[in-house]
Amino acid sequence: MGRTKTVGPAGRFGPRYGSTIRKKVKMIEVKMRAPVRCPRCRTPGSLK
């Protein structure tokens, strides 16, 4: 799976859509899945 090193989770798109779009998708998805802190008690975790 060498095609996922640069674009990470956007590697599922393969050669489609161009590298710039896939890099932007990677940035969005990495931020979206990052652990966040609870606004009430400030413990790290994932909001569901």
C-alpha atoms as a PDB file:
ATOM      1  CA  MET A   1       0.000   0.000   0.000  1.00  0.00           C
ATOM      2  CA  GLY A   2       2.580   2.544  -1.065  1.00  0.00           C
ATOM      3  CA  ARG A   3       0.012   5.009  -2.327  1.00  0.00           C
ATOM      4  CA  THR A   4      -1.225   5.900   1.156  1.00  0.00           C
ATOM      5  CA  LYS A   5       1.980   7.364   2.599  1.00  0.00           C
ATOM      6  CA  THR A   6       1.320  10.930   1.437  1.00  0.00           C
ATOM      7  CA  VAL A   7      -2.462  10.981   1.359  1.00  0.00           C
ATOM      8  CA  GLY A   8      -3.190   8.672   4.297  1.00  0.00           C
ATOM      9  CA  PRO A   9      -6.860   7.723   4.557  1.00  0.00           C
ATOM     10  CA  ALA A  10      -7.596   9.338   1.171  1.00  0.00           C
ATOM     11  CA  GLY A  11      -5.526   6.596  -0.463  1.00  0.00           C
ATOM     12  CA  ARG A  12      -8.766   4.677  -0.858  1.00  0.00           C
ATOM     13  CA  PHE A  13      -9.481   6.911  -3.866  1.00  0.00           C
ATOM     14  CA  GLY A  14      -6.464   5.524  -5.719  1.00  0.00           C
ATOM     15  CA  PRO A  15      -5.404   7.663  -8.696  1.00  0.00           C
ATOM     16  CA  ARG A  16      -8.761   9.427  -8.948  1.00  0.00           C
ATOM     17  CA  TYR A  17      -9.435  13.117  -8.219  1.00  0.00           C
ATOM     18  CA  GLY A  18      -5.797  14.309  -8.245  1.00  0.00           C
ATOM     19  CA  SER A  19      -3.237  14.536  -5.472  1.00  0.00           C
ATOM     20  CA  THR A  20      -4.113  18.036  -4.232  1.00  0.00           C
ATOM     21  CA  ILE A  21      -7.741  17.151  -3.561  1.00  0.00           C
ATOM     22  CA  ARG A  22      -6.725  13.914  -1.850  1.00  0.00           C
ATOM     23  CA  LYS A  23      -4.263  15.783   0.386  1.00  0.00           C
ATOM     24  CA  LYS A  24      -7.027  18.197   1.399  1.00  0.00           C
ATOM     25  CA  VAL A  25      -9.333  15.268   2.160  1.00  0.00           C
ATOM     26  CA  LYS A  26      -6.552  13.762   4.283  1.00  0.00           C
ATOM     27  CA  MET A  27      -6.202  16.955   6.334  1.00  0.00           C
ATOM     28  CA  ILE A  28      -9.960  17.126   6.922  1.00  0.00           C
ATOM     29  CA  GLU A  29     -10.294  13.460   7.893  1.00  0.00           C
ATOM     30  CA  VAL A  30      -7.284  13.470  10.215  1.00  0.00           C
ATOM     31  CA  LYS A  31      -8.679  16.507  12.070  1.00  0.00           C
ATOM     32  CA  MET A  32     -12.140  14.979  12.155  1.00  0.00           C
ATOM     33  CA  ARG A  33     -10.925  11.716  13.705  1.00  0.00           C
ATOM     34  CA  ALA A  34      -8.465  13.321  16.137  1.00  0.00           C
ATOM     35  CA  PRO A  35      -9.175  12.942  19.861  1.00  0.00           C
ATOM     36  CA  VAL A  36     -10.927  15.942  21.361  1.00  0.00           C
ATOM     37  CA  ARG A  37     -11.489  17.076  24.927  1.00  0.00           C
ATOM     38  CA  CYS A  38     -14.859  16.987  26.605  1.00  0.00           C
ATOM     39  CA  PRO A  39     -16.087  20.593  26.909  1.00  0.00           C
ATOM     40  CA  ARG A  40     -17.446  19.903  30.384  1.00  0.00           C
ATOM     41  CA  CYS A  41     -14.767  17.886  32.196  1.00  0.00           C
ATOM     42  CA  ARG A  42     -11.799  18.387  29.797  1.00  0.00           C
ATOM     43  CA  THR A  43     -10.921  14.674  29.689  1.00  0.00           C
ATOM     44  CA  PRO A  44      -9.495  13.513  26.372  1.00  0.00           C
ATOM     45  CA  GLY A  45     -11.658  11.221  24.336  1.00  0.00           C
ATOM     46  CA  SER A  46     -13.909  11.080  21.342  1.00  0.00           C
ATOM     47  CA  LEU A  47     -17.255  12.819  21.111  1.00  0.00           C
ATOM     48  CA  LYS A  48     -19.892  10.508  19.702  1.00  0.00           C
END
